[in-house]
C-alpha atoms as a PDB file:
ATOM      1  CA  MET A   1      19.973  -8.247 -20.199  1.00  0.00           C
ATOM      2  CA  ASP A   2      23.479  -8.201 -18.799  1.00  0.00           C
ATOM      3  CA  PRO A   3      23.432  -9.637 -15.230  1.00  0.00           C
ATOM      4  CA  LEU A   4      25.803  -6.934 -13.983  1.00  0.00           C
ATOM      5  CA  LEU A   5      23.630  -4.146 -15.387  1.00  0.00           C
ATOM      6  CA  PHE A   6      20.506  -5.817 -13.987  1.00  0.00           C
ATOM      7  CA  GLY A   7      22.137  -6.015 -10.560  1.00  0.00           C
ATOM      8  CA  TRP A   8      22.990  -2.307 -10.654  1.00  0.00           C
ATOM      9  CA  LEU A   9      19.495  -1.335 -11.770  1.00  0.00           C
ATOM     10  CA  LYS A  10      17.927  -3.510  -9.090  1.00  0.00           C
ATOM     11  CA  GLY A  11      20.157  -1.941  -6.451  1.00  0.00           C
ATOM     12  CA  LEU A  12      19.370   1.589  -7.628  1.00  0.00           C
ATOM     13  CA  LEU A  13      15.651   0.864  -7.601  1.00  0.00           C
ATOM     14  CA  LEU A  14      15.812  -0.537  -4.069  1.00  0.00           C
ATOM     15  CA  LEU A  15      17.850   2.479  -2.975  1.00  0.00           C
ATOM     16  CA  ALA A  16      15.289   4.848  -4.506  1.00  0.00           C
ATOM     17  CA  PHE A  17      12.403   3.093  -2.730  1.00  0.00           C
ATOM     18  CA  ALA A  18      14.339   3.067   0.556  1.00  0.00           C
ATOM     19  CA  TRP A  19      15.004   6.805   0.218  1.00  0.00           C
ATOM     20  CA  LEU A  20      11.355   7.509  -0.596  1.00  0.00           C
ATOM     21  CA  THR A  21      10.248   5.488   2.436  1.00  0.00           C
ATOM     22  CA  PHE A  22      12.737   7.319   4.659  1.00  0.00           C
ATOM     23  CA  VAL A  23      11.595  10.759   3.466  1.00  0.00           C
ATOM     24  CA  MET A  24       7.909   9.881   3.913  1.00  0.00           C
ATOM     25  CA  LEU A  25       8.450   8.502   7.424  1.00  0.00           C
ATOM     26  CA  LEU A  26      10.518  11.542   8.357  1.00  0.00           C
ATOM     27  CA  LYS A  27       7.798  13.898   7.110  1.00  0.00           C
ATOM     28  CA  LEU A  28       5.157  11.904   8.987  1.00  0.00           C
ATOM     29  CA  LEU A  29       7.141  12.048  12.221  1.00  0.00           C
ATOM     30  CA  ARG A  30       7.820  15.780  11.870  1.00  0.00           C
ATOM     31  CA  GLY A  31       4.132  16.485  11.202  1.00  0.00           C
ATOM     32  CA  ASP A  32       4.638  17.797   7.662  1.00  0.00           C
ATOM     33  CA  ILE A  33       2.015  15.354   6.356  1.00  0.00           C
ATOM     34  CA  ASN A  34      -1.371  15.990   7.954  1.00  0.00           C
ATOM     35  CA  LEU A  35      -3.268  12.770   8.654  1.00  0.00           C
ATOM     36  CA  THR A  36      -5.867  14.328  10.944  1.00  0.00           C
ATOM     37  CA  GLY A  37      -9.284  12.866  10.301  1.00  0.00           C
ATOM     38  CA  MET A  38      -8.117  10.204   7.879  1.00  0.00           C
ATOM     39  CA  LEU A  39      -9.776   7.418   9.878  1.00  0.00           C
ATOM     40  CA  GLN A  40     -12.197   9.460  11.993  1.00  0.00           C
ATOM     41  CA  ARG A  41     -15.538  11.159  11.766  1.00  0.00           C
ATOM     42  CA  THR A  42     -15.352  14.918  11.654  1.00  0.00           C
ATOM     43  CA  LYS A  43     -17.977  15.458  14.367  1.00  0.00           C
ATOM     44  CA  ASP A  44     -16.970  13.329  17.355  1.00  0.00           C
ATOM     45  CA  GLY A  45     -13.533  11.950  16.419  1.00  0.00           C
ATOM     46  CA  ALA A  46     -14.556   8.267  16.620  1.00  0.00           C
ATOM     47  CA  ILE A  47     -12.649   5.905  14.348  1.00  0.00           C
ATOM     48  CA  GLU A  48     -14.743   4.545  11.487  1.00  0.00           C
ATOM     49  CA  PRO A  49     -14.333   0.743  11.217  1.00  0.00           C
ATOM     50  CA  ASP A  50     -14.893   0.722   7.440  1.00  0.00           C
ATOM     51  CA  ARG A  51     -12.102   3.247   6.896  1.00  0.00           C
ATOM     52  CA  MET A  52      -9.787   1.357   9.259  1.00  0.00           C
ATOM     53  CA  GLN A  53     -10.259  -1.999   7.525  1.00  0.00           C
ATOM     54  CA  ALA A  54      -9.774  -0.407   4.086  1.00  0.00           C
ATOM     55  CA  PHE A  55      -6.564   1.256   5.279  1.00  0.00           C
ATOM     56  CA  VAL A  56      -5.175  -1.886   6.943  1.00  0.00           C
ATOM     57  CA  LEU A  57      -5.988  -4.134   3.982  1.00  0.00           C
ATOM     58  CA  THR A  58      -4.450  -1.659   1.530  1.00  0.00           C
ATOM     59  CA  ILE A  59      -1.195  -1.519   3.506  1.00  0.00           C
ATOM     60  CA  PHE A  60      -1.158  -5.302   3.971  1.00  0.00           C
ATOM     61  CA  GLY A  61      -1.878  -5.932   0.279  1.00  0.00           C
ATOM     62  CA  ALA A  62       0.771  -3.479  -0.906  1.00  0.00           C
ATOM     63  CA  LEU A  63       3.419  -5.038   1.360  1.00  0.00           C
ATOM     64  CA  LEU A  64       2.443  -8.563   0.326  1.00  0.00           C
ATOM     65  CA  TYR A  65       2.659  -7.682  -3.367  1.00  0.00           C
ATOM     66  CA  ALA A  66       5.990  -5.902  -2.867  1.00  0.00           C
ATOM     67  CA  PHE A  67       7.450  -8.964  -1.121  1.00  0.00           C
ATOM     68  CA  MET A  68       6.136 -11.187  -3.904  1.00  0.00           C
ATOM     69  CA  GLY A  69       7.884  -8.936  -6.428  1.00  0.00           C
ATOM     70  CA  ILE A  70      11.149  -9.060  -4.492  1.00  0.00           C
ATOM     71  CA  GLN A  71      10.998 -12.864  -4.343  1.00  0.00           C
ATOM     72  CA  THR A  72      10.421 -13.218  -8.093  1.00  0.00           C
ATOM     73  CA  ALA A  73      13.166 -10.727  -9.015  1.00  0.00           C
ATOM     74  CA  GLY A  74      16.679 -11.912  -9.599  1.00  0.00           C
ATOM     75  CA  GLY A  75      15.906 -14.934 -11.746  1.00  0.00           C
ATOM     76  CA  SER A  76      17.672 -15.674 -15.014  1.00  0.00           C
ATOM     77  CA  GLU A  77      14.775 -14.462 -17.140  1.00  0.00           C
ATOM     78  CA  ALA A  78      13.709 -10.876 -17.716  1.00  0.00           C
ATOM     79  CA  PRO A  79      12.109  -9.301 -14.640  1.00  0.00           C
ATOM     80  CA  ARG A  80       8.342  -8.845 -14.601  1.00  0.00           C
ATOM     81  CA  LEU A  81       5.635  -8.133 -12.086  1.00  0.00           C
ATOM     82  CA  PRO A  82       4.116 -11.145 -10.337  1.00  0.00           C
ATOM     83  CA  GLU A  83       0.508 -12.141 -10.884  1.00  0.00           C
ATOM     84  CA  VAL A  84      -1.896 -10.685  -8.326  1.00  0.00           C
ATOM     85  CA  PRO A  85      -3.313 -13.562  -6.250  1.00  0.00           C
ATOM     86  CA  GLU A  86      -7.061 -14.143  -6.420  1.00  0.00           C
ATOM     87  CA  PHE A  87      -7.455 -13.856  -2.639  1.00  0.00           C
ATOM     88  CA  LEU A  88      -5.864 -10.410  -2.732  1.00  0.00           C
ATOM     89  CA  LEU A  89      -8.188  -9.214  -5.493  1.00  0.00           C
ATOM     90  CA  ALA A  90     -11.195 -10.602  -3.624  1.00  0.00           C
ATOM     91  CA  GLY A  91      -9.994  -8.956  -0.418  1.00  0.00           C
ATOM     92  CA  PHE A  92      -9.604  -5.574  -2.111  1.00  0.00           C
ATOM     93  CA  ALA A  93     -13.027  -5.867  -3.746  1.00  0.00           C
ATOM     94  CA  GLY A  94     -14.702  -6.784  -0.459  1.00  0.00           C
ATOM     95  CA  SER A  95     -12.830  -4.085   1.437  1.00  0.00           C
ATOM     96  CA  GLN A  96     -13.776  -1.354  -0.984  1.00  0.00           C
ATOM     97  CA  THR A  97     -17.385  -2.565  -1.031  1.00  0.00           C
ATOM     98  CA  LEU A  98     -17.549  -2.304   2.773  1.00  0.00           C
ATOM     99  CA  TYR A  99     -15.950   1.136   2.633  1.00  0.00           C
ATOM    100  CA  LEU A 100     -18.403   2.422   0.012  1.00  0.00           C
ATOM    101  CA  VAL A 101     -21.412   0.991   1.879  1.00  0.00           C
ATOM    102  CA  GLY A 102     -20.208   2.655   5.075  1.00  0.00           C
ATOM    103  CA  LYS A 103     -19.716   5.937   3.263  1.00  0.00           C
ATOM    104  CA  ALA A 104     -23.198   5.739   1.744  1.00  0.00           C
ATOM    105  CA  ILE A 105     -24.721   5.049   5.162  1.00  0.00           C
ATOM    106  CA  ARG A 106     -22.878   8.035   6.658  1.00  0.00           C
ATOM    107  CA  LYS A 107     -24.165  10.272   3.851  1.00  0.00           C
ATOM    108  CA  MET A 108     -27.767   9.183   4.449  1.00  0.00           C
ATOM    109  CA  ARG A 109     -27.684  10.146   8.160  1.00  0.00           C
END
């Protein structure tokens, strides 16, 4: 691929992701996206630890993978997605297991 064309495409992609992030943050701040109850119980409003850890690990994992992709981009070879590290896969599996166990326990009450 032509390096000039690759540079333009990379810049356009980064611009598109930056715009998407800006629009989402703006909508969150204006209250257009309703997040009420995402991490809480519906009855008493207490934060569920299993939901919180799943949310935090998902955000952390997505950012880590995005930074890995940015670091591997720009080489002389054709761009491709980086391999997902084993610790990240194990973390996601454990996180989702804890979330599902917590959900099952809440359903049994």
